[in-house]
Amino acid sequence: MPLDIYSLLFLLIVGFVSGLFISICSGTAAGIMIPFLTVFLDHSIHKSIGTSLFIDGLVGITAGLIFFKNKKTKIKSTLPIIVFSIMGAVIGSFFTSSAPETGLNIYIGILLLVFGIVLMYNGVQKNVDFIKSKYSFDFLKKNKTLVFVVGGFLVGLFSGFTGFGGAAFVAVGLIFILDFDLHTAIGTSLLVMFFIATSGTIGHVIRNDFIFDVGLISGMAAITGALAGSLFANKINEDKLGRIIGLLLLTLGILLFFRLLF
């Protein structure tokens, strides 16, 4: 079905905001794209997941290379995550199409509510500082290779199945296990997400769970948002942006549940 001018405009806006969020906060397009495509454009959640992963992959490589250029990435230490997350993402993508539409909507709606509340509560950096002050990660640090192998596979599996790119989970591991600073963790996780999301996208394309025109339009807007976010990352307050996105995710999660009810 051809896109009207309003749908086209919204896709550009949503794509740009997704790119901005991913590049600055190591987020994912899924939290914005999936509910928008399902609630407002009435696409199936299966195709929305595959399309969202495609956008995550585009933003991951675009923003990640900018962080790499600015020497804010350490990709070598993440090789176990990359290898096993690719395997997980491909496997996860093949389970999505067989999952019930209603069940997926409920599951993703819950994820949006949780992520929205977490981001609204303390933003990004304050959440990191709070967790570091409360918990010890010595055991994980001593067994980091095993953690990255198992964790990488699970992140990939989750990403391929739900459409959530996985950058946030990778960034958390890099911060708490390898003691990366926030910007290096974000930059590195974006490059890792490129491999995860692209692998998941391929699986969804094979199963015809992908919306080509939406992916291209929102993808180009997301790249623009990623460029803006990466270039001005040091000038933009991650916590404030995180809270704004948190409110947006919370709202979209509620709308997703309303769509199921009515």
Protein backbone atom coordinates (compact mmCIF):
# COMPACT_ATOMS: atom_id res chain seq x y z
CA MET A 1 0.00 0.00 0.00
CA PRO A 2 1.49 3.39 -1.02
CA LEU A 3 2.47 5.71 1.83
CA ASP A 4 0.57 8.98 2.15
CA ILE A 5 2.34 12.25 2.99
CA TYR A 6 1.53 12.00 6.71
CA SER A 7 2.86 8.47 7.02
CA LEU A 8 5.99 9.48 5.13
CA LEU A 9 6.54 12.46 7.43
CA PHE A 10 6.05 10.37 10.56
CA LEU A 11 8.45 7.71 9.28
CA LEU A 12 11.12 10.35 8.73
CA ILE A 13 10.60 11.81 12.21
CA VAL A 14 10.49 8.44 13.96
CA GLY A 15 13.55 7.27 12.04
CA PHE A 16 15.52 10.39 12.94
CA VAL A 17 14.59 10.15 16.63
CA SER A 18 15.52 6.46 16.65
CA GLY A 19 18.94 7.23 15.17
CA LEU A 20 19.49 9.98 17.72
CA PHE A 21 18.50 7.75 20.64
CA ILE A 22 20.63 4.81 19.51
CA SER A 23 23.77 6.83 18.83
CA ILE A 24 23.69 8.77 22.11
CA CYS A 25 22.23 6.30 24.61
CA SER A 26 23.07 2.95 22.99
CA GLY A 27 19.35 2.38 22.57
CA THR A 28 17.38 0.57 19.90
CA ALA A 29 14.94 1.54 17.19
CA ALA A 30 12.59 -1.23 18.32
CA GLY A 31 11.15 0.75 21.21
CA ILE A 32 9.94 3.44 18.82
CA MET A 33 9.60 1.75 15.43
CA ILE A 34 7.71 -1.41 16.41
CA PRO A 35 4.79 0.27 18.23
CA PHE A 36 4.65 3.03 15.60
CA LEU A 37 4.45 0.56 12.72
CA THR A 38 1.93 -1.68 14.44
CA VAL A 39 -0.29 0.92 16.13
CA PHE A 40 -0.29 3.74 13.57
CA LEU A 41 0.47 2.02 10.25
CA ASP A 42 -1.19 -1.31 11.07
CA HIS A 43 1.72 -3.51 9.97
CA SER A 44 2.13 -6.97 11.50
CA ILE A 45 4.46 -7.11 14.47
CA HIS A 46 6.53 -9.81 12.75
CA LYS A 47 7.39 -7.52 9.83
CA SER A 48 7.87 -4.56 12.19
CA ILE A 49 10.49 -6.51 14.17
CA GLY A 50 12.50 -7.36 11.05
CA THR A 51 12.32 -3.75 9.83
CA SER A 52 13.40 -2.38 13.21
CA LEU A 53 16.47 -4.63 13.22
CA PHE A 54 17.43 -3.33 9.80
CA ILE A 55 17.39 0.24 11.14
CA ASP A 56 19.43 -0.79 14.19
CA GLY A 57 22.04 -2.26 11.87
CA LEU A 58 22.27 0.92 9.77
CA VAL A 59 22.59 3.14 12.83
CA GLY A 60 25.04 0.78 14.49
CA ILE A 61 27.56 0.93 11.64
CA THR A 62 27.05 4.66 10.99
CA ALA A 63 27.40 5.88 14.57
CA GLY A 64 29.87 3.15 15.50
CA LEU A 65 32.34 4.22 12.82
CA ILE A 66 32.17 7.80 14.05
CA PHE A 67 32.97 6.65 17.57
CA PHE A 68 35.76 4.51 16.08
CA LYS A 69 37.18 7.52 14.27
CA ASN A 70 37.17 9.43 17.57
CA LYS A 71 38.97 6.50 19.27
CA LYS A 72 35.98 5.66 21.45
CA THR A 73 35.75 1.95 20.60
CA LYS A 74 37.58 -1.21 21.71
CA ILE A 75 36.19 -3.82 19.39
CA LYS A 76 38.87 -6.53 19.88
CA SER A 77 37.69 -7.38 23.39
CA THR A 78 34.15 -8.02 22.13
CA LEU A 79 34.95 -10.70 19.52
CA PRO A 80 33.38 -13.55 21.56
CA ILE A 81 30.20 -11.48 21.91
CA ILE A 82 30.09 -10.77 18.17
CA VAL A 83 30.59 -14.38 17.07
CA PHE A 84 28.04 -15.92 19.41
CA SER A 85 25.51 -13.10 19.17
CA ILE A 86 25.41 -13.55 15.38
CA MET A 87 24.54 -17.21 15.91
CA GLY A 88 21.87 -16.29 18.45
CA ALA A 89 20.36 -13.55 16.28
CA VAL A 90 19.93 -15.84 13.28
CA ILE A 91 18.30 -18.53 15.41
CA GLY A 92 16.08 -16.01 17.23
CA SER A 93 14.85 -14.48 13.97
CA PHE A 94 13.47 -17.83 12.83
CA PHE A 95 11.30 -18.14 15.94
CA THR A 96 9.59 -14.76 15.52
CA SER A 97 7.30 -15.67 12.63
CA SER A 98 5.95 -18.69 14.48
CA ALA A 99 5.16 -16.69 17.62
CA PRO A 100 1.52 -15.58 18.09
CA GLU A 101 0.88 -11.94 17.14
CA THR A 102 -0.95 -11.17 20.40
CA GLY A 103 1.74 -12.78 22.53
CA LEU A 104 4.47 -10.78 20.82
CA ASN A 105 2.54 -7.56 21.28
CA ILE A 106 2.10 -8.22 25.00
CA TYR A 107 5.75 -9.20 25.43
CA ILE A 108 7.09 -6.15 23.62
CA GLY A 109 4.58 -3.89 25.38
CA ILE A 110 5.92 -5.07 28.75
CA LEU A 111 9.50 -4.45 27.59
CA LEU A 112 8.60 -0.90 26.56
CA LEU A 113 6.98 -0.18 29.91
CA VAL A 114 9.98 -1.52 31.84
CA PHE A 115 12.60 0.27 29.75
CA GLY A 116 10.55 3.47 29.78
CA ILE A 117 10.26 3.51 33.58
CA VAL A 118 13.96 2.70 34.06
CA LEU A 119 15.05 5.52 31.73
CA MET A 120 12.61 8.02 33.22
CA TYR A 121 13.70 7.25 36.77
CA ASN A 122 17.38 8.11 36.50
CA GLY A 123 18.37 8.64 32.89
CA VAL A 124 21.49 6.82 31.69
CA GLN A 125 24.64 7.70 33.63
CA LYS A 126 22.90 7.83 37.03
CA ASN A 127 21.58 4.31 36.54
CA VAL A 128 25.13 3.14 35.81
CA ASP A 129 26.52 4.88 38.90
CA PHE A 130 23.72 3.50 41.11
CA ILE A 131 24.31 -0.11 40.03
CA LYS A 132 28.08 0.21 40.46
CA SER A 133 27.60 1.47 44.00
CA LYS A 134 25.31 -1.41 44.97
CA TYR A 135 26.75 -4.52 43.34
CA SER A 136 30.09 -6.25 42.87
CA PHE A 137 30.94 -7.78 39.51
CA ASP A 138 34.16 -9.56 40.53
CA PHE A 139 32.83 -13.03 39.69
CA LEU A 140 31.78 -11.93 36.21
CA LYS A 141 35.12 -10.20 35.63
CA LYS A 142 37.03 -13.38 36.53
CA ASN A 143 34.95 -15.42 34.08
CA LYS A 144 34.47 -12.78 31.40
CA THR A 145 35.14 -15.06 28.40
CA LEU A 146 32.43 -17.51 29.46
CA VAL A 147 30.09 -14.62 30.30
CA PHE A 148 30.65 -13.05 26.88
CA VAL A 149 30.13 -16.34 25.03
CA VAL A 150 26.90 -17.25 26.85
CA GLY A 151 25.74 -13.65 27.20
CA GLY A 152 26.50 -12.88 23.56
CA PHE A 153 24.43 -15.84 22.37
CA LEU A 154 21.50 -14.90 24.63
CA VAL A 155 21.62 -11.24 23.58
CA GLY A 156 21.61 -12.30 19.93
CA LEU A 157 18.74 -14.73 20.52
CA PHE A 158 16.70 -12.05 22.29
CA SER A 159 17.53 -9.48 19.64
CA GLY A 160 16.64 -11.68 16.67
CA PHE A 161 13.36 -12.67 18.31
CA THR A 162 12.14 -9.29 19.62
CA GLY A 163 13.81 -6.78 17.28
CA PHE A 164 15.63 -5.03 20.14
CA GLY A 165 19.12 -4.46 18.72
CA GLY A 166 21.02 -5.49 21.85
CA ALA A 167 23.40 -2.52 22.08
CA ALA A 168 22.20 -1.58 25.57
CA PHE A 169 22.88 -5.08 26.93
CA VAL A 170 26.34 -5.15 25.36
CA ALA A 171 27.11 -1.68 26.74
CA VAL A 172 26.09 -2.80 30.24
CA GLY A 173 28.50 -5.75 30.03
CA LEU A 174 31.35 -3.54 28.81
CA ILE A 175 30.78 -1.01 31.60
CA PHE A 176 30.45 -3.43 34.51
CA ILE A 177 32.76 -6.24 33.41
CA LEU A 178 35.48 -4.45 31.39
CA ASP A 179 35.16 -1.08 33.19
CA PHE A 180 34.69 0.90 29.95
CA ASP A 181 33.69 4.53 30.34
CA LEU A 182 30.17 5.35 29.12
CA HIS A 183 31.12 6.80 25.72
CA THR A 184 33.55 3.98 24.86
CA ALA A 185 30.96 1.41 25.90
CA ILE A 186 28.34 3.07 23.70
CA GLY A 187 30.67 3.35 20.71
CA THR A 188 31.81 -0.27 20.97
CA SER A 189 28.30 -1.61 21.56
CA LEU A 190 27.05 0.19 18.45
CA LEU A 191 29.56 -1.64 16.26
CA VAL A 192 28.64 -4.93 17.94
CA MET A 193 24.96 -4.16 17.36
CA PHE A 194 25.62 -3.82 13.63
CA PHE A 195 26.59 -7.50 13.49
CA ILE A 196 23.72 -8.60 15.74
CA ALA A 197 21.00 -6.58 14.00
CA THR A 198 22.22 -7.33 10.49
CA SER A 199 22.28 -11.08 11.19
CA GLY A 200 18.76 -10.88 12.63
CA THR A 201 17.57 -8.84 9.65
CA ILE A 202 18.83 -11.45 7.21
CA GLY A 203 16.86 -14.12 9.05
CA HIS A 204 13.70 -12.01 8.92
CA VAL A 205 14.15 -11.15 5.23
CA ILE A 206 14.47 -14.85 4.42
CA ARG A 207 11.09 -15.40 6.11
CA ASN A 208 9.59 -12.34 4.38
CA ASP A 209 9.22 -10.48 7.69
CA PHE A 210 10.44 -7.13 6.41
CA ILE A 211 8.85 -3.91 5.06
CA PHE A 212 11.20 -2.65 2.36
CA ASP A 213 9.83 0.85 1.72
CA VAL A 214 9.51 1.61 5.43
CA GLY A 215 12.99 0.25 6.11
CA LEU A 216 14.57 2.41 3.42
CA ILE A 217 12.74 5.62 4.35
CA SER A 218 13.17 5.32 8.11
CA GLY A 219 16.65 3.93 7.65
CA MET A 220 17.87 7.00 5.79
CA ALA A 221 16.33 9.27 8.44
CA ALA A 222 17.88 7.14 11.18
CA ILE A 223 21.33 7.49 9.61
CA THR A 224 20.86 11.27 9.67
CA GLY A 225 19.84 11.08 13.33
CA ALA A 226 22.83 8.85 14.08
CA LEU A 227 25.23 11.29 12.44
CA ALA A 228 23.77 14.17 14.43
CA GLY A 229 23.83 12.19 17.67
CA SER A 230 27.38 10.92 17.23
CA LEU A 231 28.81 14.28 16.24
CA PHE A 232 27.18 16.08 19.16
CA ALA A 233 27.25 13.29 21.72
CA ASN A 234 29.48 15.21 24.10
CA LYS A 235 27.22 18.26 23.96
CA ILE A 236 23.94 16.42 24.55
CA ASN A 237 22.96 15.39 28.07
CA GLU A 238 22.42 11.60 27.98
CA ASP A 239 20.30 11.65 31.13
CA LYS A 240 17.86 14.26 29.84
CA LEU A 241 17.57 12.54 26.47
CA GLY A 242 17.18 9.20 28.26
CA ARG A 243 14.29 10.54 30.33
CA ILE A 244 12.56 11.98 27.26
CA ILE A 245 12.92 8.70 25.38
CA GLY A 246 11.80 6.85 28.52
CA LEU A 247 8.56 8.85 28.54
CA LEU A 248 8.10 8.12 24.83
CA LEU A 249 8.67 4.38 25.33
CA LEU A 250 6.26 4.32 28.23
CA THR A 251 3.60 6.09 26.15
CA LEU A 252 4.09 3.76 23.17
CA GLY A 253 3.94 0.73 25.46
CA ILE A 254 0.58 1.91 26.82
CA LEU A 255 -0.70 2.54 23.28
CA LEU A 256 0.33 -0.97 22.30
CA PHE A 257 -1.79 -2.41 25.10
CA PHE A 258 -4.72 -0.16 24.17
CA ARG A 259 -4.51 -1.48 20.61
CA LEU A 260 -4.82 -5.04 21.93
CA LEU A 261 -7.82 -4.12 24.08
CA PHE A 262 -9.73 -2.14 21.48
